[in-house]
Amino acid sequence: MSLVQQITRHKSIEQLQSEAGARGELRRVLGLWQLTAIGLGGIIGVGIFVLAGQQAAVNAGPAVALAFIIAGIASAAAALCYAEFAGMIPVTGSAYTYGYAVLGEGVAWLIGWDLLLEYALIVAAVASGWAGYLQNLLAHVGIHLPVWAQGAMGTGDGRVFNVIAALVAMGVAVLLTVRTETGARLNTVVVAVKVVGVALVIGVGAFYINSANWVPFIPPEVVGADGERHFGLHGVVAAASVVFFAVFGYDTLTTAAEESKNPQRDLPRAILLSLGVSMALYLTISFVITGVAHYTTLNNDAPVANAFQSLGLTWISAAISAVAVASIISVVFAFMLAAARIWFSLARDGLLPAWFAKVHPRYGTPYRPTLFLGVLTGLAAGALPIGDLAKLVNIGVLCAFIVICGSIIVLRRTRPEVKRAFRTPLVPLIPVIGIVFSIWLLTGLPLVTWERFGLWMLLGLAVYFGYGIRHSVLAKEQ
């Protein structure tokens, strides 16, 4: 078999559908609301409580709401495409599995390798943002960590390692090894608390908005000492490319397809429901936070809480920090779950060692990749600043979105007869919108992010040609 034939071999849609029905390694315990909660848990969190304020201060000013709209258009177009795939191929693995069915093993591997990094770094980035709010909450009761343990190097004088961020990443990994439904139920409760908390911020903040803080809505462009451009239209696009980190996450619930009770019905619904609710909250909170405080004051570890603190509303500040501490943990849960299942899928298909594809004999969870990820993400959360993590995350997910949107167009032409529980409307217009906006957002990322991403993908190619191409389950079958 030629090299081209090897890297383009693929699983048929019918094969994946039959495997989904026959496999029983993972327990089907998740219903519509638990899946939606995973999606909301993955979307609402560090974006509202950290990135909205920080990007308003650094790049977009009050127009950070416009940045969310731009990012949301790309995310919504991709969400519609994900919904079609989720209803058609309800198999663990998300974009990796969809790519395997349409584009072949080589491209699927790159998507899986890409998402493995991105989901793991999201866990690290969100854990880092969570730690900032926990420290803010502890400060209200007079508890302060040693300076060296308060954050990663480069985030403040004397800081060396973010101990709290590392511990939460490892703790969630342990929770996810026990029982999926236990974590999912806890996550559903936490998401409910999160939505109530965001509503509290919006309701109270509405009475303290000073419209003068919205002028100018798009601050004039400036060039920093490092040569980076900020504000103006360029700043809005740059902010959109970062806050995009906050408007996806619904794809995490597609990785739990084989743990869903009725995946073909519930996955598409959960995807669209979670994105719709979260976008409404993001836009509202962006206007509130930049109306309550001048955007120049929001570049800190807990911008929403500190904005209310500056108004003398100490009780609201403490409540926001408490909600953030409780709710951001659900984002860590969602993406840790997703990363572990991507790793599990790669191993089950033979592209990574099969040792990682063993489920726990008692709990029925992919515990080996989960625990490995707990350690790796804990170290990354402790050692790396949140801004660097968010940029590296976005480049990979945007690339995955381009593949998903393109694959819908290909499948509509090559397999129009396949039964679809949900059909993306206005094909090819909607997928093309997703592709164009994703490419636009990619242009807003700095060169160093592209360099780091390129190194990771080169490493992935080395792993695939050194191991995966020979040990692939499809290779052995053929």
Protein backbone atom coordinates (compact mmCIF):
# COMPACT_ATOMS: atom_id res chain seq x y z
CA MET A 1 0.00 0.00 0.00
CA SER A 2 1.41 3.41 -0.99
CA LEU A 3 2.01 6.20 1.53
CA VAL A 4 -0.85 8.23 0.05
CA GLN A 5 -3.24 5.28 0.45
CA GLN A 6 -2.11 4.82 4.06
CA ILE A 7 -2.69 8.40 5.16
CA THR A 8 -6.01 8.71 3.32
CA ARG A 9 -7.58 5.45 4.53
CA HIS A 10 -10.74 6.20 6.46
CA LYS A 11 -13.58 4.65 8.40
CA SER A 12 -16.93 4.74 6.68
CA ILE A 13 -19.83 6.51 8.32
CA GLU A 14 -21.70 3.21 8.46
CA GLN A 15 -18.75 1.55 10.22
CA LEU A 16 -18.59 4.30 12.84
CA GLN A 17 -22.33 4.14 13.41
CA SER A 18 -22.25 0.38 13.90
CA GLU A 19 -19.27 0.64 16.26
CA ALA A 20 -21.11 3.24 18.33
CA GLY A 21 -24.02 0.84 18.78
CA ALA A 22 -21.87 -2.22 19.47
CA ARG A 23 -19.29 -0.81 21.85
CA GLY A 24 -19.97 -0.89 25.54
CA GLU A 25 -16.73 0.29 27.15
CA LEU A 26 -18.24 3.59 28.30
CA ARG A 27 -21.49 3.80 30.28
CA ARG A 28 -24.46 5.70 28.76
CA VAL A 29 -25.50 7.94 31.65
CA LEU A 30 -25.83 11.50 30.26
CA GLY A 31 -29.14 13.10 29.30
CA LEU A 32 -29.92 16.35 27.43
CA TRP A 33 -29.56 18.69 30.41
CA GLN A 34 -26.34 17.08 31.61
CA LEU A 35 -24.91 17.38 28.09
CA THR A 36 -26.07 21.01 27.87
CA ALA A 37 -24.49 21.67 31.25
CA ILE A 38 -21.20 20.25 29.97
CA GLY A 39 -21.44 22.62 26.99
CA LEU A 40 -22.31 25.61 29.19
CA GLY A 41 -19.64 24.54 31.62
CA GLY A 42 -17.11 24.56 28.80
CA ILE A 43 -18.19 27.96 27.44
CA ILE A 44 -19.09 30.16 30.42
CA GLY A 45 -16.26 30.79 32.81
CA VAL A 46 -12.89 32.43 32.40
CA GLY A 47 -14.20 34.39 29.39
CA ILE A 48 -16.79 36.23 31.49
CA PHE A 49 -14.81 36.51 34.69
CA VAL A 50 -11.31 37.18 33.30
CA LEU A 51 -10.79 37.60 29.53
CA ALA A 52 -13.64 40.08 28.85
CA GLY A 53 -12.12 42.61 31.23
CA GLN A 54 -8.52 41.95 30.30
CA GLN A 55 -9.12 42.26 26.55
CA ALA A 56 -11.15 45.44 27.05
CA ALA A 57 -8.15 46.91 28.87
CA VAL A 58 -5.48 45.68 26.45
CA ASN A 59 -7.03 45.58 22.97
CA ALA A 60 -10.65 46.57 22.41
CA GLY A 61 -11.93 48.97 25.06
CA PRO A 62 -15.75 48.92 25.39
CA ALA A 63 -15.84 47.34 21.91
CA VAL A 64 -14.92 44.03 23.55
CA ALA A 65 -18.63 43.26 23.05
CA LEU A 66 -18.06 43.62 19.29
CA ALA A 67 -15.09 41.25 19.62
CA PHE A 68 -17.42 38.67 21.18
CA ILE A 69 -19.86 39.09 18.29
CA ILE A 70 -17.12 38.49 15.70
CA ALA A 71 -15.86 35.43 17.58
CA GLY A 72 -19.44 34.27 18.10
CA ILE A 73 -20.23 34.31 14.36
CA ALA A 74 -17.37 31.93 13.65
CA SER A 75 -18.35 29.78 16.61
CA ALA A 76 -22.05 29.68 15.68
CA ALA A 77 -21.34 28.61 12.09
CA ALA A 78 -19.07 25.86 13.34
CA ALA A 79 -21.65 24.86 15.97
CA LEU A 80 -24.24 24.20 13.27
CA CYS A 81 -21.72 22.00 11.45
CA TYR A 82 -20.81 20.18 14.67
CA ALA A 83 -24.51 19.57 15.31
CA GLU A 84 -24.92 17.82 11.96
CA PHE A 85 -21.89 15.61 12.58
CA ALA A 86 -22.94 14.84 16.17
CA GLY A 87 -26.35 13.61 15.02
CA MET A 88 -24.86 11.61 12.14
CA ILE A 89 -21.78 10.07 13.85
CA PRO A 90 -22.47 9.83 17.61
CA VAL A 91 -19.00 8.51 18.48
CA THR A 92 -16.49 9.66 21.09
CA GLY A 93 -13.74 11.78 19.54
CA SER A 94 -15.50 14.92 18.24
CA ALA A 95 -13.70 16.58 15.29
CA TYR A 96 -11.07 13.82 15.23
CA THR A 97 -13.67 11.14 14.55
CA TYR A 98 -15.50 13.30 12.01
CA GLY A 99 -12.24 13.94 10.16
CA TYR A 100 -11.50 10.20 10.14
CA ALA A 101 -14.79 9.58 8.35
CA VAL A 102 -14.39 12.30 5.71
CA LEU A 103 -10.74 13.23 5.19
CA GLY A 104 -8.79 10.12 6.15
CA GLU A 105 -6.43 8.95 8.84
CA GLY A 106 -3.58 11.42 8.31
CA VAL A 107 -5.73 14.53 8.59
CA ALA A 108 -7.76 12.95 11.42
CA TRP A 109 -4.56 12.32 13.37
CA LEU A 110 -3.48 15.94 12.99
CA ILE A 111 -6.90 17.13 14.19
CA GLY A 112 -6.80 14.76 17.17
CA TRP A 113 -3.22 15.74 18.02
CA ASP A 114 -4.20 19.39 17.68
CA LEU A 115 -7.28 19.05 19.93
CA LEU A 116 -5.36 17.06 22.51
CA LEU A 117 -3.03 20.01 22.99
CA GLU A 118 -5.80 22.61 22.84
CA TYR A 119 -8.12 20.95 25.33
CA ALA A 120 -5.25 20.30 27.73
CA LEU A 121 -4.10 23.92 27.52
CA ILE A 122 -7.65 25.15 28.07
CA VAL A 123 -7.69 23.19 31.32
CA ALA A 124 -4.41 24.86 32.27
CA ALA A 125 -5.55 28.36 31.26
CA VAL A 126 -8.89 28.11 33.04
CA ALA A 127 -7.29 26.68 36.16
CA SER A 128 -4.96 29.70 36.12
CA GLY A 129 -7.92 32.11 35.88
CA TRP A 130 -9.74 30.20 38.63
CA ALA A 131 -6.76 30.57 40.94
CA GLY A 132 -6.88 34.38 40.59
CA TYR A 133 -10.47 34.50 41.81
CA LEU A 134 -9.85 32.06 44.67
CA GLN A 135 -6.99 34.22 45.87
CA ASN A 136 -9.28 37.27 45.65
CA LEU A 137 -11.87 35.42 47.75
CA LEU A 138 -9.26 34.32 50.29
CA ALA A 139 -8.05 37.92 50.57
CA HIS A 140 -11.53 38.94 51.76
CA VAL A 141 -11.01 36.75 54.83
CA GLY A 142 -7.39 37.79 55.37
CA ILE A 143 -5.66 34.76 53.86
CA HIS A 144 -2.72 35.38 51.54
CA LEU A 145 -0.46 32.83 49.87
CA PRO A 146 3.30 33.34 49.77
CA VAL A 147 4.21 35.54 46.81
CA TRP A 148 6.12 32.76 45.04
CA ALA A 149 2.97 30.57 45.04
CA GLN A 150 0.54 33.22 43.75
CA GLY A 151 1.22 32.88 40.02
CA ALA A 152 3.48 31.81 37.18
CA MET A 153 6.73 33.56 36.37
CA GLY A 154 6.10 36.74 34.40
CA THR A 155 2.77 37.51 36.07
CA GLY A 156 4.21 39.58 38.93
CA ASP A 157 7.33 40.28 40.96
CA GLY A 158 8.46 37.30 42.99
CA ARG A 159 5.94 34.89 41.47
CA VAL A 160 7.28 31.45 40.53
CA PHE A 161 4.48 28.85 40.36
CA ASN A 162 0.67 28.98 40.57
CA VAL A 163 0.10 26.33 43.22
CA ILE A 164 -3.71 26.63 43.37
CA ALA A 165 -4.06 26.29 39.58
CA ALA A 166 -1.96 23.13 39.58
CA LEU A 167 -3.94 21.56 42.43
CA VAL A 168 -7.36 22.19 40.88
CA ALA A 169 -6.34 20.64 37.54
CA MET A 170 -5.11 17.52 39.29
CA GLY A 171 -8.17 17.40 41.55
CA VAL A 172 -10.64 17.46 38.65
CA ALA A 173 -8.70 14.66 36.96
CA VAL A 174 -9.17 12.50 40.05
CA LEU A 175 -12.92 13.32 40.10
CA LEU A 176 -13.28 12.29 36.45
CA THR A 177 -11.65 8.91 37.04
CA VAL A 178 -14.31 7.89 39.57
CA ARG A 179 -17.73 8.07 37.86
CA THR A 180 -18.73 10.19 34.88
CA GLU A 181 -22.29 10.68 36.16
CA THR A 182 -21.06 11.84 39.58
CA GLY A 183 -18.96 14.55 38.00
CA ALA A 184 -21.74 15.40 35.53
CA ARG A 185 -24.32 15.86 38.30
CA LEU A 186 -21.95 18.05 40.27
CA ASN A 187 -21.17 19.98 37.08
CA THR A 188 -24.90 20.57 36.42
CA VAL A 189 -25.34 22.08 39.89
CA VAL A 190 -22.25 24.24 39.47
CA VAL A 191 -23.43 25.49 36.06
CA ALA A 192 -26.77 26.49 37.59
CA VAL A 193 -24.88 28.47 40.26
CA LYS A 194 -22.77 30.04 37.52
CA VAL A 195 -25.77 31.27 35.51
CA VAL A 196 -27.39 32.71 38.65
CA GLY A 197 -24.12 34.44 39.54
CA VAL A 198 -23.77 36.02 36.10
CA ALA A 199 -27.39 37.18 36.31
CA LEU A 200 -26.56 38.77 39.68
CA VAL A 201 -23.62 40.66 38.15
CA ILE A 202 -25.81 41.90 35.31
CA GLY A 203 -28.75 42.83 37.56
CA VAL A 204 -26.73 44.77 40.13
CA GLY A 205 -24.27 46.21 37.64
CA ALA A 206 -27.06 47.70 35.51
CA PHE A 207 -27.72 50.25 38.30
CA TYR A 208 -24.08 51.42 38.36
CA ILE A 209 -23.41 51.83 34.63
CA ASN A 210 -21.84 55.15 33.67
CA SER A 211 -22.34 55.59 29.93
CA ALA A 212 -19.32 57.93 29.84
CA ASN A 213 -17.17 54.80 30.26
CA TRP A 214 -18.32 53.65 26.82
CA VAL A 215 -16.82 56.73 25.11
CA PRO A 216 -14.96 56.22 22.86
CA PHE A 217 -16.53 52.84 22.10
CA ILE A 218 -13.53 51.88 19.93
CA PRO A 219 -10.46 53.68 21.37
CA PRO A 220 -7.97 55.05 18.81
CA GLU A 221 -5.17 52.71 17.82
CA VAL A 222 -1.87 52.92 19.70
CA VAL A 223 1.45 51.13 19.24
CA GLY A 224 3.10 49.79 22.38
CA ALA A 225 6.77 49.91 23.27
CA ASP A 226 7.09 46.33 22.01
CA GLY A 227 5.73 47.32 18.58
CA GLU A 228 2.37 45.58 19.13
CA ARG A 229 -0.75 47.44 17.91
CA HIS A 230 -3.62 47.92 20.36
CA PHE A 231 -7.18 49.30 20.10
CA GLY A 232 -8.76 50.58 16.89
CA LEU A 233 -10.28 48.01 14.52
CA HIS A 234 -7.06 45.98 14.64
CA GLY A 235 -7.41 45.77 18.41
CA VAL A 236 -11.00 44.56 18.14
CA VAL A 237 -9.93 41.73 15.80
CA ALA A 238 -6.99 40.91 18.08
CA ALA A 239 -9.37 40.78 21.05
CA ALA A 240 -11.77 38.59 19.07
CA SER A 241 -8.95 36.14 18.34
CA VAL A 242 -8.33 35.87 22.09
CA VAL A 243 -11.90 35.88 23.43
CA PHE A 244 -12.71 33.21 20.88
CA PHE A 245 -11.21 31.07 23.65
CA ALA A 246 -14.43 31.83 25.54
CA VAL A 247 -17.08 31.18 22.88
CA PHE A 248 -16.40 27.57 22.02
CA GLY A 249 -16.68 24.68 24.41
CA TYR A 250 -19.87 23.10 23.12
CA ASP A 251 -17.61 20.74 21.18
CA THR A 252 -16.59 19.19 24.50
CA LEU A 253 -20.00 17.57 24.85
CA THR A 254 -19.56 15.80 21.48
CA THR A 255 -16.59 13.93 22.94
CA ALA A 256 -19.04 12.30 25.37
CA ALA A 257 -21.21 10.88 22.58
CA GLU A 258 -20.79 7.28 23.74
CA GLU A 259 -21.81 8.28 27.27
CA SER A 260 -25.04 9.94 26.07
CA LYS A 261 -28.34 8.12 26.53
CA ASN A 262 -29.75 9.32 23.19
CA PRO A 263 -26.85 10.92 21.29
CA GLN A 264 -28.45 11.42 17.88
CA ARG A 265 -31.31 13.40 19.40
CA ASP A 266 -29.62 15.13 22.34
CA LEU A 267 -26.17 16.11 21.03
CA PRO A 268 -27.36 18.59 18.34
CA ARG A 269 -29.86 20.14 20.76
CA ALA A 270 -27.30 20.49 23.53
CA ILE A 271 -24.75 22.11 21.17
CA LEU A 272 -27.13 24.83 19.97
CA LEU A 273 -28.75 25.42 23.36
CA SER A 274 -25.46 25.85 25.22
CA LEU A 275 -24.01 28.26 22.64
CA GLY A 276 -27.19 30.37 22.47
CA VAL A 277 -27.44 30.87 26.24
CA SER A 278 -23.76 31.60 26.68
CA MET A 279 -23.55 34.18 23.86
CA ALA A 280 -26.46 36.14 25.35
CA LEU A 281 -24.68 36.23 28.71
CA TYR A 282 -21.31 37.19 27.21
CA LEU A 283 -22.66 40.16 25.29
CA THR A 284 -24.61 41.47 28.28
CA ILE A 285 -21.72 41.12 30.73
CA SER A 286 -19.34 42.87 28.29
CA PHE A 287 -21.54 45.98 28.25
CA VAL A 288 -22.06 45.88 32.02
CA ILE A 289 -18.41 45.49 33.02
CA THR A 290 -17.16 48.24 30.69
CA GLY A 291 -20.02 50.47 31.83
CA VAL A 292 -19.39 49.93 35.53
CA ALA A 293 -15.61 50.53 35.32
CA HIS A 294 -13.39 52.33 32.81
CA TYR A 295 -11.77 49.77 30.53
CA THR A 296 -8.26 50.91 31.49
CA THR A 297 -8.78 49.57 35.04
CA LEU A 298 -9.71 46.01 34.03
CA ASN A 299 -6.31 44.42 33.32
CA ASN A 300 -5.96 42.28 36.46
CA ASP A 301 -6.50 38.71 37.69
CA ALA A 302 -10.14 39.27 38.80
CA PRO A 303 -11.48 42.20 36.72
CA VAL A 304 -15.21 41.73 37.38
CA ALA A 305 -14.82 41.38 41.16
CA ASN A 306 -12.34 44.26 41.33
CA ALA A 307 -14.65 46.52 39.29
CA PHE A 308 -17.37 46.18 41.90
CA GLN A 309 -14.82 46.46 44.69
CA SER A 310 -13.79 49.87 43.33
CA LEU A 311 -17.43 51.00 43.68
CA GLY A 312 -17.39 50.06 47.36
CA LEU A 313 -19.64 47.05 46.77
CA THR A 314 -17.51 44.67 48.79
CA TRP A 315 -20.30 42.14 49.25
CA ILE A 316 -20.89 41.91 45.51
CA SER A 317 -17.16 41.59 44.89
CA ALA A 318 -16.96 38.72 47.37
CA ALA A 319 -20.07 37.08 45.87
CA ILE A 320 -18.63 37.34 42.34
CA SER A 321 -15.38 35.75 43.47
CA ALA A 322 -17.31 32.97 45.21
CA VAL A 323 -19.42 32.31 42.07
CA ALA A 324 -16.30 32.42 39.88
CA VAL A 325 -14.51 29.98 42.15
CA ALA A 326 -17.47 27.61 42.01
CA SER A 327 -18.30 28.03 38.34
CA ILE A 328 -14.96 28.19 36.56
CA ILE A 329 -14.28 24.73 37.93
CA SER A 330 -16.98 23.44 35.55
CA VAL A 331 -14.89 24.62 32.58
CA VAL A 332 -11.95 22.61 33.87
CA PHE A 333 -14.32 19.64 34.19
CA ALA A 334 -15.67 19.97 30.63
CA PHE A 335 -12.32 20.26 28.89
CA MET A 336 -10.55 17.67 31.04
CA LEU A 337 -13.35 15.26 30.10
CA ALA A 338 -12.94 16.18 26.41
CA ALA A 339 -9.14 15.90 26.38
CA ALA A 340 -9.21 12.50 28.06
CA ARG A 341 -11.71 11.16 25.54
CA ILE A 342 -9.73 12.46 22.57
CA TRP A 343 -6.67 10.68 23.97
CA PHE A 344 -8.78 7.55 24.58
CA SER A 345 -10.09 7.62 20.99
CA LEU A 346 -6.60 8.00 19.49
CA ALA A 347 -5.40 5.04 21.55
CA ARG A 348 -8.46 2.92 20.72
CA ASP A 349 -7.76 3.45 17.01
CA GLY A 350 -4.14 2.41 17.49
CA LEU A 351 -2.62 5.83 16.75
CA LEU A 352 -1.33 6.02 20.33
CA PRO A 353 -0.40 3.04 22.57
CA ALA A 354 -3.42 0.82 23.34
CA TRP A 355 -2.48 0.94 27.04
CA PHE A 356 -4.31 4.29 27.19
CA ALA A 357 -7.52 2.77 25.76
CA LYS A 358 -8.25 0.65 28.84
CA VAL A 359 -11.28 1.73 30.87
CA HIS A 360 -11.45 1.42 34.63
CA PRO A 361 -12.84 -2.05 35.50
CA ARG A 362 -15.13 -0.62 38.19
CA TYR A 363 -15.99 2.93 37.12
CA GLY A 364 -16.02 2.55 33.33
CA THR A 365 -13.94 5.69 32.73
CA PRO A 366 -10.79 6.26 30.61
CA TYR A 367 -8.79 6.75 33.77
CA ARG A 368 -5.25 6.40 32.41
CA PRO A 369 -5.28 9.37 30.00
CA THR A 370 -7.32 11.34 32.54
CA LEU A 371 -4.72 10.97 35.29
CA PHE A 372 -1.85 11.69 32.90
CA LEU A 373 -3.63 14.85 31.77
CA GLY A 374 -4.17 15.87 35.38
CA VAL A 375 -0.44 15.90 35.99
CA LEU A 376 0.50 17.55 32.68
CA THR A 377 -2.16 20.28 32.84
CA GLY A 378 -1.38 20.92 36.49
CA LEU A 379 2.26 21.63 35.66
CA ALA A 380 1.27 23.88 32.72
CA ALA A 381 -1.30 25.78 34.82
CA GLY A 382 1.28 26.42 37.49
CA ALA A 383 4.11 27.49 35.21
CA LEU A 384 2.54 29.44 32.28
CA PRO A 385 0.66 32.81 32.20
CA ILE A 386 -3.01 32.66 31.12
CA GLY A 387 -2.53 35.02 28.14
CA ASP A 388 0.06 32.78 26.47
CA LEU A 389 -2.09 29.73 27.06
CA ALA A 390 -5.24 31.31 25.57
CA LYS A 391 -3.53 32.34 22.32
CA LEU A 392 -2.05 28.90 21.74
CA VAL A 393 -5.42 27.28 22.44
CA ASN A 394 -7.28 29.39 19.90
CA ILE A 395 -5.05 28.68 16.90
CA GLY A 396 -5.66 24.96 17.14
CA VAL A 397 -9.41 25.15 17.68
CA LEU A 398 -9.82 27.60 14.79
CA CYS A 399 -7.97 25.16 12.54
CA ALA A 400 -10.29 22.37 13.70
CA PHE A 401 -13.32 24.55 12.95
CA ILE A 402 -12.08 25.12 9.40
CA VAL A 403 -11.79 21.34 8.91
CA ILE A 404 -15.27 20.67 10.36
CA CYS A 405 -16.96 23.33 8.22
CA GLY A 406 -15.13 22.14 5.10
CA SER A 407 -16.04 18.52 5.84
CA ILE A 408 -19.76 19.34 5.90
CA ILE A 409 -19.50 20.75 2.38
CA VAL A 410 -17.60 17.65 1.20
CA LEU A 411 -20.08 15.21 2.80
CA ARG A 412 -23.12 16.95 1.35
CA ARG A 413 -21.66 16.32 -2.10
CA THR A 414 -20.20 12.84 -1.60
CA ARG A 415 -22.77 11.27 0.78
CA PRO A 416 -26.07 13.13 0.37
CA GLU A 417 -28.06 9.96 1.10
CA VAL A 418 -26.77 9.46 4.68
CA LYS A 419 -29.47 9.97 7.30
CA ARG A 420 -28.91 13.13 9.32
CA ALA A 421 -30.68 13.76 12.65
CA PHE A 422 -29.86 17.47 12.20
CA ARG A 423 -29.03 19.30 8.97
CA THR A 424 -26.89 22.43 8.92
CA PRO A 425 -29.00 25.10 7.17
CA LEU A 426 -27.88 27.08 4.11
CA VAL A 427 -25.01 24.80 3.06
CA PRO A 428 -22.51 25.80 1.73
CA LEU A 429 -23.12 29.40 2.97
CA ILE A 430 -22.99 28.67 6.72
CA PRO A 431 -19.83 26.50 6.54
CA VAL A 432 -18.14 29.10 4.31
CA ILE A 433 -18.95 31.82 6.87
CA GLY A 434 -17.38 29.64 9.56
CA ILE A 435 -14.26 29.11 7.44
CA VAL A 436 -13.87 32.80 6.50
CA PHE A 437 -14.33 34.11 10.04
CA SER A 438 -12.00 31.46 11.45
CA ILE A 439 -9.27 32.45 8.97
CA TRP A 440 -9.86 36.12 9.84
CA LEU A 441 -9.42 35.40 13.54
CA LEU A 442 -6.25 33.42 12.83
CA THR A 443 -4.73 36.55 11.28
CA GLY A 444 -5.06 38.31 14.64
CA LEU A 445 -2.74 35.90 16.43
CA PRO A 446 0.95 36.83 16.92
CA LEU A 447 3.79 35.13 15.05
CA VAL A 448 5.18 33.46 18.17
CA THR A 449 1.87 31.60 18.58
CA TRP A 450 2.15 30.25 15.04
CA GLU A 451 5.74 29.15 15.72
CA ARG A 452 4.76 27.22 18.87
CA PHE A 453 1.80 25.63 17.09
CA GLY A 454 4.03 24.64 14.17
CA LEU A 455 6.48 22.92 16.52
CA TRP A 456 3.65 20.95 18.12
CA MET A 457 2.31 19.82 14.75
CA LEU A 458 5.80 18.77 13.60
CA LEU A 459 6.07 16.68 16.75
CA GLY A 460 2.68 15.18 15.89
CA LEU A 461 3.86 14.21 12.40
CA ALA A 462 6.89 12.54 13.94
CA VAL A 463 4.69 10.51 16.31
CA TYR A 464 2.31 9.51 13.51
CA PHE A 465 4.97 8.37 11.04
CA GLY A 466 7.06 6.83 13.82
CA TYR A 467 4.23 4.94 15.51
CA GLY A 468 0.61 5.56 14.48
CA ILE A 469 0.79 4.76 10.77
CA ARG A 470 2.06 1.23 11.52
CA HIS A 471 -0.05 0.48 14.63
CA SER A 472 -3.32 1.90 13.38
CA VAL A 473 -6.27 -0.50 13.74
CA LEU A 474 -7.14 0.15 10.10
CA ALA A 475 -3.57 -0.73 9.08
CA LYS A 476 -3.85 -4.09 10.84
CA GLU A 477 -7.25 -4.80 9.31
CA GLN A 478 -5.95 -4.08 5.83
